[in-house]
Structures are given as C-alpha cells and as structure tokens.
Amino acid sequence: MKQASRVVFILLAACAWAQAPSESLPARATLEQLMLDLIYPASNDLLLTIFRGGPKDEGEWAAARRSALALAESGNLLLTRSRSPQADWIEDTKLLVDAGAAAYKAAQARDTKALADVREPLDRSCTTCHRQFRPNVFPQQGGSK
C-alpha cells in the first residue's frame, strides 16, 4: 500500500508539472522524437513481455516497471501545451497515462495477471490516438490508401 501511495504521488506531481506554462518549461523533444524514441519502444517492450507470458525474473520485472513508467510519464509530456493541438488530444493522451500507471502498479506488485490486463487498454490508447491523428496509419473504411 505504501508503494501504491508513492506511485500515485509521483504521478500527481508529474501531472502538476506537465500543466505548468510552456513558457517556463520549453519542450526539448519533438512529438516524433517522443513517439519513436520513448513511447514506441516502451509500449513494444511491455507488450512483448505480456505476450510472452509476463516477466520471468527480477530483471524482467524491473524492465516492465521502467517501460510502464516511461509510458505514464510520456503521456504527461504529450499533454504539455506546446504539443496539445486540441481537446481530443488530451482525452486520447490520458488513455496512455492511465494504461502506463496501471502497468506500473501491476509490475510493482509483480502481478502477472494485472499486467496482462493492461494489454487491451494500452493497445486502445495507441489505436484511438492514431485513428484520429495519423489517418495514414488507420485509413477510413472504404477509402483508398
């Protein structure tokens, strides 16, 4: 319980930091850099671990925690004003934050089933955002590519 409280505190502090005016905290990475160099590797590593039946040893649990925390915190980075193009962006990004936080909680508890349960929300967070903001990845039904 003490660990869960610590995680909640860290995530709340990160949310408060992410809401600071962008003038005082300028973005250092582009959206593309965040997606390609932080979010995609973290989500891919986490999903591969889940599809392989979950972490097998302390090293794999630590890697799952790192990937989960990277996802939750990168979601907060995506919410900074300089990267938030519209209201749907905020809603879609919160799906990523929630999935990352749930994965972190599961990995912290070494709960393989709870970690496996994150697969669908994590996949949904990516798909929901990409359908709206990357139509070349998810073209409209009946449309040509």
N, C-alpha and C. Protein backbone atom coordinates (compact mmCIF):
# COMPACT_ATOMS: atom_id res chain seq x y z
N MET A 1 0.82 -1.19 0.00
CA MET A 1 0.00 0.00 0.00
C MET A 1 0.87 1.26 0.00
N LYS A 2 1.98 1.20 0.75
CA LYS A 2 2.88 2.34 0.81
C LYS A 2 3.45 2.64 -0.57
N GLN A 3 3.81 1.57 -1.33
CA GLN A 3 4.34 1.75 -2.68
C GLN A 3 3.30 2.36 -3.60
N ALA A 4 2.06 1.91 -3.49
CA ALA A 4 0.99 2.45 -4.34
C ALA A 4 0.79 3.93 -4.06
N SER A 5 0.85 4.33 -2.80
CA SER A 5 0.72 5.74 -2.45
C SER A 5 1.86 6.55 -3.05
N ARG A 6 3.05 5.99 -3.03
CA ARG A 6 4.21 6.66 -3.60
C ARG A 6 4.04 6.85 -5.11
N VAL A 7 3.53 5.83 -5.80
CA VAL A 7 3.31 5.91 -7.25
C VAL A 7 2.27 6.98 -7.56
N VAL A 8 1.18 6.99 -6.79
CA VAL A 8 0.13 7.98 -7.01
C VAL A 8 0.70 9.39 -6.80
N PHE A 9 1.51 9.56 -5.76
CA PHE A 9 2.12 10.87 -5.51
C PHE A 9 3.01 11.29 -6.67
N ILE A 10 3.84 10.37 -7.16
CA ILE A 10 4.74 10.68 -8.27
C ILE A 10 3.94 11.06 -9.50
N LEU A 11 2.89 10.31 -9.81
CA LEU A 11 2.08 10.61 -10.99
C LEU A 11 1.34 11.93 -10.85
N LEU A 12 0.83 12.24 -9.65
CA LEU A 12 0.17 13.52 -9.44
C LEU A 12 1.16 14.68 -9.55
N ALA A 13 2.35 14.50 -9.03
CA ALA A 13 3.37 15.55 -9.15
C ALA A 13 3.74 15.76 -10.61
N ALA A 14 3.83 14.68 -11.37
CA ALA A 14 4.16 14.80 -12.80
C ALA A 14 3.04 15.51 -13.54
N CYS A 15 1.79 15.22 -13.19
CA CYS A 15 0.67 15.91 -13.83
C CYS A 15 0.73 17.41 -13.54
N ALA A 16 1.01 17.76 -12.30
CA ALA A 16 1.09 19.18 -11.95
C ALA A 16 2.23 19.84 -12.71
N TRP A 17 3.35 19.15 -12.83
CA TRP A 17 4.48 19.70 -13.57
C TRP A 17 4.13 19.85 -15.04
N ALA A 18 3.44 18.88 -15.61
CA ALA A 18 3.09 18.92 -17.03
C ALA A 18 2.12 20.05 -17.34
N GLN A 19 1.37 20.53 -16.33
CA GLN A 19 0.42 21.60 -16.55
C GLN A 19 1.03 22.99 -16.37
N ALA A 20 2.33 23.03 -16.05
CA ALA A 20 2.99 24.33 -15.90
C ALA A 20 3.02 25.02 -17.26
N PRO A 21 3.02 26.34 -17.26
CA PRO A 21 3.05 27.08 -18.54
C PRO A 21 4.24 26.66 -19.39
N SER A 22 3.99 26.47 -20.68
CA SER A 22 5.04 26.00 -21.58
C SER A 22 6.18 27.01 -21.69
N GLU A 23 5.92 28.31 -21.40
CA GLU A 23 6.98 29.30 -21.46
C GLU A 23 8.08 28.97 -20.44
N SER A 24 7.71 28.48 -19.28
CA SER A 24 8.70 28.21 -18.26
C SER A 24 9.35 26.84 -18.43
N LEU A 25 8.72 25.97 -19.16
CA LEU A 25 9.26 24.63 -19.39
C LEU A 25 9.19 24.30 -20.88
N PRO A 26 10.09 24.84 -21.66
CA PRO A 26 10.02 24.61 -23.11
C PRO A 26 10.26 23.14 -23.45
N ALA A 27 9.59 22.67 -24.48
CA ALA A 27 9.76 21.29 -24.95
C ALA A 27 11.16 21.11 -25.50
N ARG A 28 11.76 20.01 -25.18
CA ARG A 28 13.09 19.69 -25.69
C ARG A 28 13.05 18.66 -26.80
N ALA A 29 11.98 17.88 -26.84
CA ALA A 29 11.84 16.84 -27.85
C ALA A 29 10.61 17.12 -28.69
N THR A 30 10.69 16.74 -29.95
CA THR A 30 9.53 16.88 -30.82
C THR A 30 8.57 15.74 -30.53
N LEU A 31 7.37 15.86 -31.03
CA LEU A 31 6.38 14.79 -30.90
C LEU A 31 6.92 13.51 -31.54
N GLU A 32 7.51 13.66 -32.71
CA GLU A 32 8.07 12.49 -33.40
C GLU A 32 9.16 11.81 -32.57
N GLN A 33 10.04 12.59 -31.95
CA GLN A 33 11.08 12.02 -31.11
C GLN A 33 10.49 11.28 -29.91
N LEU A 34 9.48 11.87 -29.28
CA LEU A 34 8.84 11.19 -28.15
C LEU A 34 8.22 9.87 -28.59
N MET A 35 7.53 9.90 -29.72
CA MET A 35 6.86 8.68 -30.19
C MET A 35 7.87 7.60 -30.57
N LEU A 36 8.86 7.95 -31.38
CA LEU A 36 9.80 6.96 -31.90
C LEU A 36 10.84 6.50 -30.89
N ASP A 37 11.29 7.40 -30.02
CA ASP A 37 12.40 7.07 -29.14
C ASP A 37 12.02 6.78 -27.70
N LEU A 38 10.76 7.05 -27.33
CA LEU A 38 10.35 6.79 -25.96
C LEU A 38 9.09 5.93 -25.90
N ILE A 39 8.02 6.38 -26.53
CA ILE A 39 6.74 5.71 -26.38
C ILE A 39 6.70 4.38 -27.12
N TYR A 40 7.09 4.37 -28.39
CA TYR A 40 7.04 3.11 -29.13
C TYR A 40 7.92 2.03 -28.49
N PRO A 41 9.19 2.31 -28.16
CA PRO A 41 9.99 1.25 -27.54
C PRO A 41 9.42 0.76 -26.20
N ALA A 42 8.91 1.69 -25.39
CA ALA A 42 8.36 1.30 -24.09
C ALA A 42 7.11 0.44 -24.26
N SER A 43 6.21 0.86 -25.16
CA SER A 43 4.99 0.07 -25.36
C SER A 43 5.31 -1.27 -26.00
N ASN A 44 6.22 -1.28 -26.96
CA ASN A 44 6.60 -2.53 -27.61
C ASN A 44 7.22 -3.51 -26.61
N ASP A 45 8.15 -3.02 -25.78
CA ASP A 45 8.78 -3.88 -24.78
C ASP A 45 7.76 -4.43 -23.80
N LEU A 46 6.85 -3.59 -23.36
CA LEU A 46 5.84 -4.02 -22.40
C LEU A 46 4.90 -5.06 -23.02
N LEU A 47 4.44 -4.79 -24.24
CA LEU A 47 3.54 -5.74 -24.91
C LEU A 47 4.23 -7.06 -25.21
N LEU A 48 5.50 -7.02 -25.61
CA LEU A 48 6.23 -8.27 -25.85
C LEU A 48 6.34 -9.09 -24.56
N THR A 49 6.60 -8.41 -23.46
CA THR A 49 6.67 -9.10 -22.16
C THR A 49 5.34 -9.75 -21.82
N ILE A 50 4.26 -9.03 -22.06
CA ILE A 50 2.91 -9.57 -21.79
C ILE A 50 2.63 -10.76 -22.69
N PHE A 51 2.91 -10.63 -23.99
CA PHE A 51 2.62 -11.72 -24.93
C PHE A 51 3.48 -12.96 -24.66
N ARG A 52 4.61 -12.78 -24.03
CA ARG A 52 5.49 -13.91 -23.68
C ARG A 52 5.15 -14.52 -22.33
N GLY A 53 4.02 -14.11 -21.75
CA GLY A 53 3.57 -14.71 -20.51
C GLY A 53 3.95 -13.95 -19.26
N GLY A 54 4.53 -12.78 -19.41
CA GLY A 54 4.88 -11.96 -18.27
C GLY A 54 6.34 -12.08 -17.89
N PRO A 55 6.80 -11.19 -17.03
CA PRO A 55 8.19 -11.22 -16.59
C PRO A 55 8.53 -12.52 -15.87
N LYS A 56 9.75 -13.01 -16.09
CA LYS A 56 10.19 -14.28 -15.50
C LYS A 56 11.13 -14.12 -14.32
N ASP A 57 11.77 -12.97 -14.21
CA ASP A 57 12.72 -12.76 -13.11
C ASP A 57 12.74 -11.28 -12.73
N GLU A 58 13.52 -10.94 -11.73
CA GLU A 58 13.55 -9.56 -11.24
C GLU A 58 13.99 -8.58 -12.32
N GLY A 59 14.91 -8.97 -13.17
CA GLY A 59 15.35 -8.09 -14.24
C GLY A 59 14.22 -7.76 -15.21
N GLU A 60 13.40 -8.75 -15.53
CA GLU A 60 12.27 -8.51 -16.43
C GLU A 60 11.18 -7.69 -15.75
N TRP A 61 10.97 -7.90 -14.44
CA TRP A 61 10.00 -7.07 -13.72
C TRP A 61 10.48 -5.63 -13.68
N ALA A 62 11.78 -5.42 -13.47
CA ALA A 62 12.33 -4.06 -13.45
C ALA A 62 12.16 -3.41 -14.83
N ALA A 63 12.39 -4.17 -15.89
CA ALA A 63 12.21 -3.63 -17.25
C ALA A 63 10.75 -3.27 -17.49
N ALA A 64 9.83 -4.10 -17.00
CA ALA A 64 8.40 -3.81 -17.14
C ALA A 64 8.03 -2.53 -16.39
N ARG A 65 8.58 -2.37 -15.18
CA ARG A 65 8.32 -1.14 -14.42
C ARG A 65 8.84 0.08 -15.16
N ARG A 66 10.06 -0.02 -15.70
CA ARG A 66 10.63 1.12 -16.45
C ARG A 66 9.79 1.47 -17.66
N SER A 67 9.37 0.46 -18.42
CA SER A 67 8.55 0.71 -19.61
C SER A 67 7.21 1.34 -19.21
N ALA A 68 6.59 0.81 -18.17
CA ALA A 68 5.30 1.32 -17.73
C ALA A 68 5.42 2.77 -17.27
N LEU A 69 6.44 3.07 -16.50
CA LEU A 69 6.64 4.43 -16.01
C LEU A 69 6.96 5.38 -17.17
N ALA A 70 7.72 4.90 -18.13
CA ALA A 70 8.02 5.71 -19.32
C ALA A 70 6.73 6.05 -20.06
N LEU A 71 5.80 5.11 -20.16
CA LEU A 71 4.53 5.37 -20.84
C LEU A 71 3.69 6.38 -20.07
N ALA A 72 3.56 6.19 -18.78
CA ALA A 72 2.75 7.12 -17.97
C ALA A 72 3.33 8.52 -18.03
N GLU A 73 4.62 8.64 -17.89
CA GLU A 73 5.25 9.96 -17.89
C GLU A 73 5.31 10.57 -19.28
N SER A 74 5.48 9.76 -20.31
CA SER A 74 5.49 10.32 -21.67
C SER A 74 4.11 10.85 -22.02
N GLY A 75 3.09 10.22 -21.50
CA GLY A 75 1.74 10.76 -21.70
C GLY A 75 1.64 12.16 -21.13
N ASN A 76 2.24 12.36 -19.97
CA ASN A 76 2.24 13.69 -19.37
C ASN A 76 3.04 14.68 -20.24
N LEU A 77 4.13 14.23 -20.82
CA LEU A 77 4.90 15.10 -21.71
C LEU A 77 4.08 15.49 -22.93
N LEU A 78 3.29 14.56 -23.43
CA LEU A 78 2.45 14.84 -24.59
C LEU A 78 1.36 15.87 -24.27
N LEU A 79 1.04 16.01 -23.00
CA LEU A 79 0.00 16.94 -22.59
C LEU A 79 0.48 18.38 -22.41
N THR A 80 1.79 18.60 -22.49
CA THR A 80 2.26 19.97 -22.35
C THR A 80 1.65 20.83 -23.45
N ARG A 81 1.39 22.05 -23.14
CA ARG A 81 0.66 22.94 -24.06
C ARG A 81 1.28 23.03 -25.44
N SER A 82 2.58 23.01 -25.53
CA SER A 82 3.21 23.18 -26.83
C SER A 82 2.98 21.98 -27.75
N ARG A 83 2.48 20.87 -27.20
CA ARG A 83 2.25 19.69 -28.03
C ARG A 83 0.77 19.32 -28.10
N SER A 84 -0.11 20.03 -27.44
CA SER A 84 -1.52 19.65 -27.37
C SER A 84 -2.34 20.40 -28.42
N PRO A 85 -2.56 19.79 -29.59
CA PRO A 85 -3.25 20.51 -30.64
C PRO A 85 -4.74 20.73 -30.41
N GLN A 86 -5.41 19.88 -29.65
CA GLN A 86 -6.85 20.05 -29.46
C GLN A 86 -7.34 19.20 -28.29
N ALA A 87 -8.60 19.38 -27.93
CA ALA A 87 -9.18 18.71 -26.76
C ALA A 87 -9.13 17.19 -26.88
N ASP A 88 -9.39 16.64 -28.08
CA ASP A 88 -9.35 15.19 -28.25
C ASP A 88 -7.96 14.63 -27.95
N TRP A 89 -6.94 15.43 -28.22
CA TRP A 89 -5.57 15.02 -27.94
C TRP A 89 -5.41 14.75 -26.45
N ILE A 90 -5.95 15.62 -25.63
CA ILE A 90 -5.85 15.47 -24.18
C ILE A 90 -6.55 14.19 -23.73
N GLU A 91 -7.74 13.98 -24.22
CA GLU A 91 -8.51 12.79 -23.85
C GLU A 91 -7.79 11.51 -24.28
N ASP A 92 -7.28 11.51 -25.50
CA ASP A 92 -6.57 10.32 -26.01
C ASP A 92 -5.27 10.08 -25.24
N THR A 93 -4.56 11.14 -24.90
CA THR A 93 -3.30 11.01 -24.19
C THR A 93 -3.52 10.48 -22.78
N LYS A 94 -4.62 10.86 -22.15
CA LYS A 94 -4.90 10.36 -20.81
C LYS A 94 -5.09 8.84 -20.80
N LEU A 95 -5.53 8.28 -21.92
CA LEU A 95 -5.62 6.82 -22.02
C LEU A 95 -4.24 6.20 -21.86
N LEU A 96 -3.23 6.83 -22.47
CA LEU A 96 -1.85 6.34 -22.35
C LEU A 96 -1.35 6.47 -20.91
N VAL A 97 -1.61 7.60 -20.29
CA VAL A 97 -1.20 7.81 -18.90
C VAL A 97 -1.83 6.74 -18.00
N ASP A 98 -3.12 6.50 -18.17
CA ASP A 98 -3.83 5.51 -17.35
C ASP A 98 -3.29 4.10 -17.58
N ALA A 99 -3.03 3.74 -18.83
CA ALA A 99 -2.50 2.41 -19.14
C ALA A 99 -1.11 2.25 -18.54
N GLY A 100 -0.27 3.28 -18.66
CA GLY A 100 1.06 3.21 -18.09
C GLY A 100 1.03 3.10 -16.58
N ALA A 101 0.15 3.87 -15.94
CA ALA A 101 0.03 3.81 -14.48
C ALA A 101 -0.45 2.44 -14.01
N ALA A 102 -1.42 1.86 -14.74
CA ALA A 102 -1.92 0.53 -14.38
C ALA A 102 -0.83 -0.53 -14.57
N ALA A 103 -0.05 -0.40 -15.64
CA ALA A 103 1.04 -1.34 -15.88
C ALA A 103 2.11 -1.21 -14.79
N TYR A 104 2.41 0.01 -14.39
CA TYR A 104 3.40 0.21 -13.34
C TYR A 104 2.92 -0.42 -12.03
N LYS A 105 1.67 -0.18 -11.69
CA LYS A 105 1.12 -0.75 -10.46
C LYS A 105 1.20 -2.28 -10.50
N ALA A 106 0.87 -2.87 -11.64
CA ALA A 106 0.92 -4.33 -11.78
C ALA A 106 2.36 -4.84 -11.67
N ALA A 107 3.29 -4.15 -12.33
CA ALA A 107 4.69 -4.58 -12.29
C ALA A 107 5.27 -4.40 -10.89
N GLN A 108 4.89 -3.33 -10.23
CA GLN A 108 5.36 -3.09 -8.87
C GLN A 108 4.89 -4.21 -7.94
N ALA A 109 3.67 -4.69 -8.16
CA ALA A 109 3.10 -5.76 -7.34
C ALA A 109 3.52 -7.15 -7.83
N ARG A 110 4.24 -7.19 -8.96
CA ARG A 110 4.64 -8.45 -9.59
C ARG A 110 3.41 -9.32 -9.86
N ASP A 111 2.37 -8.69 -10.38
CA ASP A 111 1.09 -9.33 -10.65
C ASP A 111 0.97 -9.57 -12.17
N THR A 112 1.27 -10.80 -12.58
CA THR A 112 1.27 -11.15 -14.00
C THR A 112 -0.10 -10.97 -14.64
N LYS A 113 -1.15 -11.35 -13.93
CA LYS A 113 -2.49 -11.22 -14.50
C LYS A 113 -2.87 -9.75 -14.68
N ALA A 114 -2.60 -8.92 -13.67
CA ALA A 114 -2.92 -7.49 -13.78
C ALA A 114 -2.10 -6.86 -14.91
N LEU A 115 -0.86 -7.29 -15.09
CA LEU A 115 -0.05 -6.77 -16.17
C LEU A 115 -0.65 -7.19 -17.51
N ALA A 116 -1.07 -8.43 -17.62
CA ALA A 116 -1.71 -8.91 -18.86
C ALA A 116 -2.99 -8.14 -19.15
N ASP A 117 -3.70 -7.75 -18.11
CA ASP A 117 -4.95 -6.99 -18.28
C ASP A 117 -4.71 -5.60 -18.86
N VAL A 118 -3.48 -5.12 -18.85
CA VAL A 118 -3.15 -3.80 -19.39
C VAL A 118 -3.01 -3.83 -20.91
N ARG A 119 -2.86 -5.00 -21.49
CA ARG A 119 -2.65 -5.12 -22.94
C ARG A 119 -3.73 -4.40 -23.72
N GLU A 120 -4.98 -4.66 -23.42
CA GLU A 120 -6.08 -4.05 -24.18
C GLU A 120 -6.15 -2.53 -23.99
N PRO A 121 -6.10 -2.01 -22.77
CA PRO A 121 -6.12 -0.55 -22.62
C PRO A 121 -4.91 0.13 -23.28
N LEU A 122 -3.74 -0.50 -23.23
CA LEU A 122 -2.57 0.08 -23.87
C LEU A 122 -2.75 0.10 -25.38
N ASP A 123 -3.20 -1.01 -25.94
CA ASP A 123 -3.46 -1.07 -27.38
C ASP A 123 -4.51 -0.04 -27.78
N ARG A 124 -5.57 0.07 -26.98
CA ARG A 124 -6.64 1.04 -27.26
C ARG A 124 -6.12 2.47 -27.22
N SER A 125 -5.22 2.77 -26.29
CA SER A 125 -4.69 4.13 -26.20
C SER A 125 -3.93 4.50 -27.47
N CYS A 126 -3.16 3.57 -28.00
CA CYS A 126 -2.41 3.84 -29.23
C CYS A 126 -3.36 3.94 -30.43
N THR A 127 -4.25 2.97 -30.55
CA THR A 127 -5.16 2.92 -31.69
C THR A 127 -6.10 4.12 -31.73
N THR A 128 -6.66 4.49 -30.59
CA THR A 128 -7.58 5.62 -30.52
C THR A 128 -6.91 6.90 -31.01
N CYS A 129 -5.72 7.15 -30.53
CA CYS A 129 -5.00 8.36 -30.92
C CYS A 129 -4.59 8.31 -32.39
N HIS A 130 -4.05 7.18 -32.82
CA HIS A 130 -3.58 7.08 -34.20
C HIS A 130 -4.72 7.15 -35.21
N ARG A 131 -5.87 6.62 -34.88
CA ARG A 131 -7.02 6.73 -35.79
C ARG A 131 -7.36 8.19 -36.07
N GLN A 132 -7.25 9.01 -35.05
CA GLN A 132 -7.60 10.42 -35.21
C GLN A 132 -6.46 11.26 -35.75
N PHE A 133 -5.26 11.04 -35.26
CA PHE A 133 -4.16 11.94 -35.58
C PHE A 133 -3.17 11.38 -36.61
N ARG A 134 -3.32 10.11 -36.98
CA ARG A 134 -2.46 9.53 -38.01
C ARG A 134 -3.33 8.72 -38.98
N PRO A 135 -4.16 9.40 -39.75
CA PRO A 135 -5.09 8.68 -40.63
C PRO A 135 -4.39 7.83 -41.69
N ASN A 136 -3.12 8.13 -41.96
CA ASN A 136 -2.39 7.28 -42.90
C ASN A 136 -2.09 5.90 -42.30
N VAL A 137 -2.09 5.81 -40.97
CA VAL A 137 -1.88 4.52 -40.30
C VAL A 137 -3.19 3.74 -40.24
N PHE A 138 -4.29 4.44 -39.98
CA PHE A 138 -5.61 3.83 -39.91
C PHE A 138 -6.55 4.54 -40.87
N PRO A 139 -6.47 4.20 -42.17
CA PRO A 139 -7.35 4.90 -43.15
C PRO A 139 -8.82 4.58 -42.89
N GLN A 140 -9.69 5.51 -43.30
CA GLN A 140 -11.13 5.31 -43.16
C GLN A 140 -11.55 4.07 -43.92
N GLN A 141 -12.56 3.38 -43.40
CA GLN A 141 -13.09 2.21 -44.08
C GLN A 141 -13.60 2.60 -45.47
N GLY A 142 -13.25 1.82 -46.46
CA GLY A 142 -13.74 2.07 -47.82
C GLY A 142 -12.90 3.10 -48.55
N GLY A 143 -11.96 3.73 -47.86
CA GLY A 143 -11.11 4.72 -48.52
C GLY A 143 -9.93 4.06 -49.20
N SER A 144 -9.30 4.78 -50.08
CA SER A 144 -8.14 4.23 -50.76
C SER A 144 -6.88 4.64 -50.03
N LYS A 145 -5.87 3.85 -50.14
CA LYS A 145 -4.61 4.14 -49.47
C LYS A 145 -3.56 4.49 -50.47
